[in-house]
Amino acid sequence: MTSLPSWKGGSWNTWGHDQHKFDFRVAAFVKQRLEGAGQVVRFVNRLLAQEECEMAKKGYWVGHVNVTNPERYKDYIAANAAPLKKYGARFIVRNGACEVHGEALQGRRHVIIEFESYVIAKACYDSPEYQAAAKIRDEASTSDFVMIEGHED
């Protein structure tokens, strides 16, 4: 039966071994315990990040788009797919049937996209991937765009 190491007088002691010799079993034991502690710390950090994300209010993009070049706008839709997926975007509204009251938004395409938080919505918009897609959007349309934090009851 192998004896367990202990800490005595400022050095590791394995019973029956010379204290002045380096014991690789002790090093392996310590390494194993430290790795286990690191796994616990990483697990707790993931849980805290998840709870922080769950507590955050959702973030939304609300767009009212006047498409001026339908063929080029298809390129924008293709280009924005990767960044929207990367940031976990979910379409709530994507140009469905609508009834517009007032003149300002007549004939426009209406889009609402949901993100897990306002911070993530902003990070997606500011990302180089989305900004490249936005250049295509600007070539193919004019729009009014709002990024807004959701409301929690």
Protein backbone atom coordinates (compact mmCIF):
# COMPACT_ATOMS: atom_id res chain seq x y z
CA MET A 1 0.00 0.00 0.00
CA THR A 2 1.37 3.40 -0.98
CA SER A 3 1.49 6.02 1.73
CA LEU A 4 0.05 9.47 1.08
CA PRO A 5 2.30 12.50 1.19
CA SER A 6 1.92 15.09 3.94
CA TRP A 7 3.29 18.57 4.58
CA LYS A 8 5.61 18.67 7.58
CA GLY A 9 7.94 21.39 8.67
CA GLY A 10 7.88 23.26 5.36
CA SER A 11 8.58 20.26 3.11
CA TRP A 12 6.70 17.31 1.69
CA ASN A 13 7.18 14.09 3.62
CA THR A 14 6.37 10.63 2.40
CA TRP A 15 6.64 8.19 5.21
CA GLY A 16 9.67 5.98 4.93
CA HIS A 17 11.50 8.20 2.41
CA ASP A 18 14.43 10.51 2.79
CA GLN A 19 13.02 14.08 2.99
CA HIS A 20 15.92 15.49 1.02
CA LYS A 21 15.31 13.41 -2.10
CA PHE A 22 12.77 14.58 -4.68
CA ASP A 23 9.85 12.16 -4.79
CA PHE A 24 8.14 12.10 -8.17
CA ARG A 25 5.07 10.45 -6.62
CA VAL A 26 4.62 13.53 -4.44
CA ALA A 27 4.96 15.80 -7.47
CA ALA A 28 2.39 13.72 -9.37
CA PHE A 29 0.04 13.81 -6.39
CA VAL A 30 0.30 17.61 -6.07
CA LYS A 31 -0.09 18.07 -9.81
CA GLN A 32 -3.22 15.89 -9.82
CA ARG A 33 -4.77 17.90 -6.95
CA LEU A 34 -3.96 21.23 -8.60
CA GLU A 35 -5.42 20.10 -11.94
CA GLY A 36 -8.57 18.99 -10.15
CA ALA A 37 -8.83 22.38 -8.47
CA GLY A 38 -8.36 24.09 -11.84
CA GLN A 39 -11.23 22.06 -13.29
CA VAL A 40 -13.46 23.11 -10.40
CA VAL A 41 -12.54 26.78 -10.90
CA ARG A 42 -13.28 26.57 -14.64
CA PHE A 43 -16.62 24.87 -13.93
CA VAL A 44 -17.64 27.53 -11.39
CA ASN A 45 -16.61 30.31 -13.80
CA ARG A 46 -18.79 28.76 -16.53
CA LEU A 47 -21.75 28.60 -14.13
CA LEU A 48 -21.28 32.23 -13.10
CA ALA A 49 -21.03 33.37 -16.73
CA GLN A 50 -24.17 31.40 -17.59
CA GLU A 51 -26.11 32.92 -14.70
CA GLU A 52 -24.88 36.41 -15.64
CA CYS A 53 -26.08 35.82 -19.20
CA GLU A 54 -29.45 34.49 -17.97
CA MET A 55 -29.89 37.56 -15.76
CA ALA A 56 -29.11 40.01 -18.55
CA LYS A 57 -31.96 41.55 -20.49
CA LYS A 58 -32.29 40.46 -24.10
CA GLY A 59 -30.96 42.74 -26.82
CA TYR A 60 -32.77 43.48 -30.07
CA TRP A 61 -32.09 44.94 -33.47
CA VAL A 62 -35.13 46.58 -35.01
CA GLY A 63 -34.79 47.55 -38.65
CA HIS A 64 -37.12 49.20 -41.13
CA VAL A 65 -35.50 48.72 -44.52
CA ASN A 66 -36.23 50.21 -47.93
CA VAL A 67 -34.59 47.81 -50.40
CA THR A 68 -33.31 49.75 -53.42
CA ASN A 69 -31.40 46.92 -55.12
CA PRO A 70 -33.08 43.53 -54.49
CA GLU A 71 -30.31 41.47 -56.13
CA ARG A 72 -27.55 43.12 -54.09
CA TYR A 73 -29.69 42.83 -50.94
CA LYS A 74 -29.59 39.04 -51.38
CA ASP A 75 -25.80 39.32 -51.06
CA TYR A 76 -26.28 41.17 -47.77
CA ILE A 77 -28.56 38.43 -46.45
CA ALA A 78 -25.92 35.83 -47.35
CA ALA A 79 -23.11 37.91 -45.81
CA ASN A 80 -24.86 38.54 -42.50
CA ALA A 81 -25.66 34.85 -41.89
CA ALA A 82 -22.27 33.95 -40.38
CA PRO A 83 -21.99 36.81 -37.86
CA LEU A 84 -25.62 36.46 -36.82
CA LYS A 85 -25.10 32.75 -36.20
CA LYS A 86 -21.81 33.39 -34.37
CA TYR A 87 -23.53 35.76 -31.93
CA GLY A 88 -26.61 33.57 -31.44
CA ALA A 89 -29.09 35.86 -33.18
CA ARG A 90 -32.68 34.73 -33.58
CA PHE A 91 -35.11 36.31 -36.02
CA ILE A 92 -38.34 37.32 -34.30
CA VAL A 93 -39.73 39.16 -37.34
CA ARG A 94 -38.39 38.88 -40.87
CA ASN A 95 -40.60 40.80 -43.30
CA GLY A 96 -43.87 39.03 -42.50
CA ALA A 97 -47.33 40.32 -43.24
CA CYS A 98 -47.86 43.67 -41.54
CA GLU A 99 -50.21 46.62 -41.24
CA VAL A 100 -48.44 49.98 -41.18
CA HIS A 101 -50.11 53.00 -39.61
CA GLY A 102 -48.52 56.22 -40.81
CA GLU A 103 -46.56 57.12 -43.90
CA ALA A 104 -42.94 56.88 -42.71
CA LEU A 105 -42.70 53.09 -42.73
CA GLN A 106 -44.92 52.29 -45.74
CA GLY A 107 -43.34 49.85 -48.21
CA ARG A 108 -40.46 48.90 -45.95
CA ARG A 109 -39.11 45.52 -44.93
CA HIS A 110 -39.39 45.09 -41.13
CA VAL A 111 -36.93 42.97 -39.16
CA ILE A 112 -36.54 42.23 -35.45
CA ILE A 113 -33.58 40.15 -34.32
CA GLU A 114 -33.12 38.92 -30.75
CA PHE A 115 -29.82 38.36 -28.91
CA GLU A 116 -29.15 36.92 -25.47
CA SER A 117 -28.21 40.38 -24.18
CA TYR A 118 -27.81 43.97 -25.28
CA VAL A 119 -24.03 43.58 -24.93
CA ILE A 120 -24.04 40.64 -27.37
CA ALA A 121 -26.29 42.55 -29.79
CA LYS A 122 -23.81 45.45 -29.77
CA ALA A 123 -20.81 43.12 -30.10
CA CYS A 124 -22.37 41.51 -33.16
CA TYR A 125 -23.11 44.87 -34.80
CA ASP A 126 -19.59 46.14 -34.10
CA SER A 127 -17.88 42.93 -35.26
CA PRO A 128 -15.72 43.10 -38.40
CA GLU A 129 -17.80 40.29 -39.94
CA TYR A 130 -21.07 42.18 -39.60
CA GLN A 131 -19.55 45.51 -40.60
CA ALA A 132 -18.44 43.91 -43.89
CA ALA A 133 -22.04 42.76 -44.43
CA ALA A 134 -23.36 46.21 -43.46
CA LYS A 135 -21.39 47.78 -46.31
CA ILE A 136 -23.30 45.54 -48.72
CA ARG A 137 -26.58 46.44 -46.96
CA ASP A 138 -25.84 50.15 -47.43
CA GLU A 139 -25.25 49.60 -51.16
CA ALA A 140 -28.59 47.81 -51.52
CA SER A 141 -30.91 49.72 -49.20
CA THR A 142 -31.67 52.61 -46.91
CA SER A 143 -32.86 51.89 -43.41
CA ASP A 144 -33.77 53.07 -39.97
CA PHE A 145 -32.14 50.89 -37.36
CA VAL A 146 -32.50 50.72 -33.56
CA MET A 147 -30.52 48.57 -31.16
CA ILE A 148 -32.49 48.28 -27.94
CA GLU A 149 -32.40 46.48 -24.61
CA GLY A 150 -35.44 44.34 -23.84
CA HIS A 151 -37.77 44.68 -20.88
CA GLU A 152 -38.16 42.15 -18.09
CA ASP A 153 -41.30 41.81 -15.99
